[in-house]
Amino acid sequence: MALELNDSNFDELVMKSDKPVLVDFWAAWCGPCRMVGPIVDELANDYDGKAIVGKVDVDANNEIAARFGIRNIPTLLFFKNGEVVDKQVGVVPKPALSEKLNSLL
């Protein structure tokens, strides 16, 4: 299961992580987000111990969404050493996200 990221734990879990991080920016009312959500949860299990996989509810944590200029959801950001190194907007199949994560390991 993906970590629930929020305004209070984001910097600690994402920006200071020594592992690659995948962050899914989503909202409950977003249909495409509900399609990506289960894929993100699977990736959290697949990469347990190798990468951090989390979700940010943009309605509850608009400060983080604004900080990274999130205008469309779902948006998935890939972090390495506290820097955004890749981005995916919209629904994509699991292998495409796995490939991006693997390139950061």
Protein backbone atom coordinates (compact mmCIF):
# COMPACT_ATOMS: atom_id res chain seq x y z
CA MET A 1 0.00 0.00 0.00
CA ALA A 2 1.31 3.44 -0.92
CA LEU A 3 2.19 5.87 1.87
CA GLU A 4 -0.22 8.72 2.51
CA LEU A 5 1.90 11.84 2.10
CA ASN A 6 0.79 15.21 3.45
CA ASP A 7 2.02 18.71 4.24
CA SER A 8 3.58 17.60 7.53
CA ASN A 9 5.46 14.45 6.41
CA PHE A 10 6.31 15.22 2.76
CA ASP A 11 9.77 16.74 3.26
CA GLU A 12 10.87 14.02 5.68
CA LEU A 13 9.65 11.08 3.55
CA VAL A 14 10.29 12.43 0.05
CA MET A 15 12.83 15.24 -0.02
CA LYS A 16 15.21 13.62 2.51
CA SER A 17 14.87 10.04 1.22
CA ASP A 18 18.01 8.19 0.23
CA LYS A 19 15.87 5.98 -2.03
CA PRO A 20 14.04 6.90 -5.25
CA VAL A 21 10.51 8.16 -4.60
CA LEU A 22 7.35 7.98 -6.71
CA VAL A 23 4.59 10.40 -5.68
CA ASP A 24 1.06 10.14 -7.09
CA PHE A 25 -0.85 13.44 -6.96
CA TRP A 26 -4.55 12.53 -6.99
CA ALA A 27 -8.06 13.42 -5.78
CA ALA A 28 -11.05 11.28 -4.80
CA TRP A 29 -13.31 12.85 -7.47
CA CYS A 30 -10.83 12.17 -10.31
CA GLY A 31 -11.79 9.18 -12.48
CA PRO A 32 -8.35 8.65 -14.06
CA CYS A 33 -6.82 8.86 -10.56
CA ARG A 34 -8.96 5.90 -9.50
CA MET A 35 -7.51 3.97 -12.46
CA VAL A 36 -3.90 4.77 -11.50
CA GLY A 37 -4.38 4.27 -7.73
CA PRO A 38 -4.33 0.45 -7.73
CA ILE A 39 -1.24 0.46 -9.98
CA VAL A 40 0.55 2.78 -7.53
CA ASP A 41 -0.40 0.48 -4.64
CA GLU A 42 1.02 -2.52 -6.55
CA LEU A 43 4.25 -0.61 -7.20
CA ALA A 44 4.49 0.18 -3.47
CA ASN A 45 4.47 -3.57 -2.78
CA ASP A 46 6.79 -4.42 -5.70
CA TYR A 47 9.41 -1.85 -4.65
CA ASP A 48 9.13 -2.29 -0.87
CA GLY A 49 12.60 -1.68 0.56
CA LYS A 50 13.97 -0.39 -2.76
CA ALA A 51 11.92 2.78 -3.32
CA ILE A 52 9.32 4.93 -1.55
CA VAL A 53 5.89 5.05 -3.19
CA GLY A 54 3.32 7.52 -1.88
CA LYS A 55 0.20 9.49 -2.68
CA VAL A 56 -0.75 13.11 -2.12
CA ASP A 57 -4.44 14.04 -2.02
CA VAL A 58 -4.31 17.43 -3.77
CA ASP A 59 -7.57 18.61 -2.17
CA ALA A 60 -6.26 18.03 1.36
CA ASN A 61 -2.66 19.10 0.64
CA ASN A 62 -2.86 21.91 -1.89
CA GLU A 63 0.35 23.46 -0.55
CA ILE A 64 2.43 20.55 -1.87
CA ALA A 65 0.54 20.51 -5.17
CA ALA A 66 1.19 24.23 -5.63
CA ARG A 67 4.86 23.82 -4.68
CA PHE A 68 5.38 21.39 -7.58
CA GLY A 69 3.06 23.16 -10.03
CA ILE A 70 0.55 20.31 -10.26
CA ARG A 71 -2.17 21.47 -12.65
CA ASN A 72 -3.50 18.16 -13.96
CA ILE A 73 -4.14 14.94 -12.09
CA PRO A 74 -3.13 12.24 -11.90
CA THR A 75 0.44 13.49 -12.02
CA LEU A 76 3.22 11.18 -10.90
CA LEU A 77 6.53 12.73 -9.95
CA PHE A 78 9.75 10.73 -9.60
CA PHE A 79 12.30 12.04 -7.10
CA LYS A 80 15.94 11.15 -6.56
CA ASN A 81 18.05 12.87 -3.88
CA GLY A 82 15.26 15.38 -3.23
CA GLU A 83 15.02 16.47 -6.89
CA VAL A 84 12.23 15.86 -9.40
CA VAL A 85 13.90 13.77 -12.11
CA ASP A 86 10.88 12.54 -14.09
CA LYS A 87 7.17 13.20 -14.50
CA GLN A 88 4.16 11.34 -15.86
CA VAL A 89 0.78 12.98 -16.38
CA GLY A 90 -2.33 10.87 -16.95
CA VAL A 91 -3.03 7.17 -16.96
CA VAL A 92 -0.24 4.84 -18.09
CA PRO A 93 0.24 1.08 -17.77
CA LYS A 94 2.20 -0.34 -14.86
CA PRO A 95 5.22 -1.42 -16.97
CA ALA A 96 5.83 2.20 -18.03
CA LEU A 97 5.98 3.33 -14.38
CA SER A 98 8.12 0.33 -13.39
CA GLU A 99 10.59 1.22 -16.13
CA LYS A 100 10.89 4.79 -14.84
CA LEU A 101 11.42 3.57 -11.27
CA ASN A 102 13.95 0.95 -12.33
CA SER A 103 16.01 3.62 -14.07
CA LEU A 104 16.40 5.39 -10.70
CA LEU A 105 17.49 2.36 -8.68
